[in-house]
Amino acid sequence: TRADILEPEEMPHDVVTIRDADNGLIARLPMPLGGQASPIGDNGVSLEFQSIVASGKKQATYEAVMPFDQRARIASFRTLDNAPLRVIVGISKDDALAEWRHTAWTFATVIALLLLAGNTAAALFYRQWVKQRRGSAELQETNALLERALHRSRERDDALNAAQAAGLLGTYTLNFATGRIV
């Protein structure tokens, strides 16, 4: 509708200006919020716009602070071929970049959470690995002690067996029925 064109809700700081060949104001939509409207014929334009027009360009895009409300905008202008008019469209940088900034913060938050989760998982894996390594070293040490004890026990068994064989020592059983020692 016409009201939507004159008062856009999504980009409230955008502006469309029509100026004459001498940069005099013809019309500006929407009117400055809470401010005094510039009079028709007002030549108050940004220095960037003045220098581009002075260079002879008929169309360009530039970045400037607009004098009527001191808001930074990305602006494009075109000089019409069939009339001595310049149409300038200014888009507020803050409004234009608001969605991008929101998306950037969302991505940064997601990336930070992923990094935090990854680092936490890595720290937990590292702690578990150190614990397993320590446990493995303890098991190897205990295993070596057991092997030495087993070796000493076998040496003692071999010495005892040799002593028994040499001295006919050992365990004997008496068979009461026959009266023989076995």
Protein backbone atom coordinates (compact mmCIF):
# COMPACT_ATOMS: atom_id res chain seq x y z
CA THR A 1 0.00 0.00 0.00
CA ARG A 2 1.00 3.64 -0.28
CA ALA A 3 1.48 3.90 3.51
CA ASP A 4 3.96 1.00 3.42
CA ILE A 5 6.00 2.76 0.76
CA LEU A 6 6.06 6.05 2.65
CA GLU A 7 6.68 4.56 6.09
CA PRO A 8 8.56 1.27 5.78
CA GLU A 9 8.61 -0.65 9.06
CA GLU A 10 11.61 -2.90 8.46
CA MET A 11 14.13 -0.19 7.58
CA PRO A 12 12.88 2.93 9.37
CA HIS A 13 16.00 4.99 8.67
CA ASP A 14 16.12 4.56 4.89
CA VAL A 15 15.50 7.64 2.81
CA VAL A 16 14.70 8.58 -0.79
CA THR A 17 15.57 12.11 -1.87
CA ILE A 18 14.96 13.94 -5.14
CA ARG A 19 17.19 16.92 -5.88
CA ASP A 20 17.44 19.31 -8.80
CA ALA A 21 20.51 19.87 -10.96
CA ASP A 22 21.88 22.39 -8.39
CA ASN A 23 21.39 19.84 -5.57
CA GLY A 24 18.40 21.76 -4.22
CA LEU A 25 15.94 19.59 -2.28
CA ILE A 26 12.69 18.80 -4.06
CA ALA A 27 11.37 15.95 -1.89
CA ARG A 28 12.49 13.55 0.80
CA LEU A 29 10.65 10.50 2.10
CA PRO A 30 10.17 9.77 4.88
CA MET A 31 10.44 13.03 6.73
CA PRO A 32 13.09 13.13 9.51
CA LEU A 33 11.75 11.62 12.73
CA GLY A 34 11.36 14.21 15.45
CA GLY A 35 13.30 16.73 13.41
CA GLN A 36 12.54 19.77 11.36
CA ALA A 37 11.92 19.04 7.69
CA SER A 38 14.44 20.66 5.36
CA PRO A 39 12.95 23.45 3.25
CA ILE A 40 12.45 22.97 -0.47
CA GLY A 41 15.59 24.11 -2.28
CA ASP A 42 17.91 23.31 0.66
CA ASN A 43 21.39 22.51 -0.69
CA GLY A 44 22.66 20.71 2.43
CA VAL A 45 24.32 17.58 1.06
CA SER A 46 27.24 15.51 2.29
CA LEU A 47 30.78 16.34 1.22
CA GLU A 48 31.06 12.88 -0.37
CA PHE A 49 28.03 13.56 -2.57
CA GLN A 50 29.36 17.01 -3.52
CA SER A 51 32.72 15.61 -4.62
CA ILE A 52 31.13 12.79 -6.66
CA VAL A 53 28.77 15.20 -8.44
CA ALA A 54 31.67 17.64 -9.03
CA SER A 55 33.64 14.81 -10.67
CA GLY A 56 30.93 14.56 -13.33
CA LYS A 57 29.63 11.10 -12.49
CA LYS A 58 25.97 10.53 -13.29
CA GLN A 59 25.59 7.64 -10.88
CA ALA A 60 27.55 6.25 -7.94
CA THR A 61 27.34 4.51 -4.61
CA TYR A 62 29.06 6.04 -1.61
CA GLU A 63 29.06 6.04 2.17
CA ALA A 64 28.34 9.24 4.08
CA VAL A 65 26.74 10.85 7.10
CA MET A 66 23.59 12.60 5.90
CA PRO A 67 23.48 16.25 7.03
CA PHE A 68 19.72 16.39 7.72
CA ASP A 69 19.80 13.75 10.52
CA GLN A 70 23.51 12.95 11.04
CA ARG A 71 22.92 9.22 10.35
CA ALA A 72 25.53 7.13 8.48
CA ARG A 73 24.10 5.65 5.32
CA ILE A 74 25.15 3.78 2.23
CA ALA A 75 23.71 5.85 -0.58
CA SER A 76 23.35 5.52 -4.31
CA PHE A 77 22.34 8.25 -6.69
CA ARG A 78 21.49 8.53 -10.33
CA THR A 79 21.06 11.60 -12.48
CA LEU A 80 17.99 11.12 -14.68
CA ASP A 81 18.57 11.43 -18.42
CA ASN A 82 15.16 12.87 -19.28
CA ALA A 83 14.98 15.46 -16.46
CA PRO A 84 17.47 17.63 -14.54
CA LEU A 85 16.93 15.58 -11.39
CA ARG A 86 19.02 13.39 -9.13
CA VAL A 87 17.41 10.56 -7.17
CA ILE A 88 19.31 9.52 -4.05
CA VAL A 89 18.46 6.42 -2.04
CA GLY A 90 20.13 6.05 1.34
CA ILE A 91 20.10 2.87 3.41
CA SER A 92 21.00 3.11 7.06
CA LYS A 93 24.15 1.10 7.73
CA ASP A 94 22.83 0.05 11.12
CA ASP A 95 19.54 -1.16 9.68
CA ALA A 96 21.15 -2.82 6.67
CA LEU A 97 23.71 -4.67 8.76
CA ALA A 98 21.43 -5.52 11.71
CA GLU A 99 20.41 -8.93 10.35
CA TRP A 100 23.99 -9.68 9.30
CA ARG A 101 25.24 -8.76 12.79
CA HIS A 102 22.58 -10.96 14.36
CA THR A 103 23.59 -13.85 12.09
CA ALA A 104 27.29 -13.24 12.80
CA TRP A 105 26.67 -13.27 16.57
CA THR A 106 24.59 -16.44 16.23
CA PHE A 107 27.37 -18.17 14.26
CA ALA A 108 30.01 -16.91 16.68
CA THR A 109 28.00 -18.27 19.60
CA VAL A 110 27.52 -21.65 17.91
CA ILE A 111 31.22 -21.83 17.03
CA ALA A 112 32.19 -20.88 20.60
CA LEU A 113 29.89 -23.58 21.99
CA LEU A 114 31.30 -26.14 19.56
CA LEU A 115 34.85 -25.16 20.51
CA LEU A 116 33.95 -25.39 24.18
CA ALA A 117 32.37 -28.83 23.69
CA GLY A 118 35.33 -30.01 21.61
CA ASN A 119 37.88 -28.74 24.12
CA THR A 120 35.94 -30.27 27.00
CA ALA A 121 35.80 -33.62 25.19
CA ALA A 122 39.52 -33.41 24.38
CA ALA A 123 40.33 -32.63 28.03
CA LEU A 124 38.23 -35.57 29.21
CA PHE A 125 39.84 -37.90 26.66
CA TYR A 126 43.28 -36.69 27.70
CA ARG A 127 42.55 -37.23 31.39
CA GLN A 128 41.26 -40.75 30.62
CA TRP A 129 44.33 -41.49 28.50
CA VAL A 130 46.68 -40.31 31.29
CA LYS A 131 44.74 -42.43 33.79
CA GLN A 132 44.96 -45.49 31.53
CA ARG A 133 48.64 -44.90 30.89
CA ARG A 134 49.32 -44.62 34.62
CA GLY A 135 47.24 -47.77 35.27
CA SER A 136 49.09 -49.62 32.50
CA ALA A 137 52.46 -48.68 34.01
CA GLU A 138 51.31 -49.86 37.43
CA LEU A 139 50.07 -53.15 35.92
CA GLN A 140 53.38 -53.67 34.14
CA GLU A 141 55.28 -53.04 37.37
CA THR A 142 53.02 -55.43 39.32
CA ASN A 143 53.35 -58.03 36.55
CA ALA A 144 57.16 -57.78 36.72
CA LEU A 145 57.05 -58.27 40.53
CA LEU A 146 54.82 -61.32 40.13
CA GLU A 147 57.12 -62.79 37.46
CA ARG A 148 60.14 -62.36 39.76
CA ALA A 149 58.24 -63.94 42.66
CA LEU A 150 57.15 -66.84 40.44
CA HIS A 151 60.73 -67.31 39.25
CA ARG A 152 62.01 -67.38 42.88
CA SER A 153 59.24 -69.81 43.83
CA ARG A 154 60.19 -72.15 40.95
CA GLU A 155 63.86 -71.97 41.95
CA ARG A 156 62.91 -72.94 45.53
CA ASP A 157 60.68 -75.78 44.26
CA ASP A 158 63.54 -77.07 42.10
CA ALA A 159 65.94 -76.88 45.10
CA LEU A 160 63.42 -78.66 47.34
CA ASN A 161 62.84 -81.38 44.74
CA ALA A 162 66.61 -81.88 44.40
CA ALA A 163 66.97 -82.10 48.21
CA GLN A 164 64.13 -84.58 48.45
CA ALA A 165 65.60 -86.75 45.75
CA ALA A 166 69.05 -86.67 47.31
CA GLY A 167 67.91 -87.43 50.85
CA LEU A 168 64.91 -89.53 50.07
CA LEU A 169 62.84 -86.96 51.82
CA GLY A 170 59.27 -86.42 50.99
CA THR A 171 55.76 -87.20 51.98
CA TYR A 172 55.00 -90.82 52.68
CA THR A 173 51.73 -92.59 53.33
CA LEU A 174 51.25 -95.64 55.54
CA ASN A 175 48.91 -98.23 54.14
CA PHE A 176 47.37 -99.75 57.29
CA ALA A 177 45.88 -102.74 55.48
CA THR A 178 49.17 -103.91 54.11
CA GLY A 179 51.40 -102.25 56.60
CA ARG A 180 53.55 -100.78 53.92
CA ILE A 181 54.79 -97.20 53.55
CA VAL A 182 54.17 -95.78 50.19
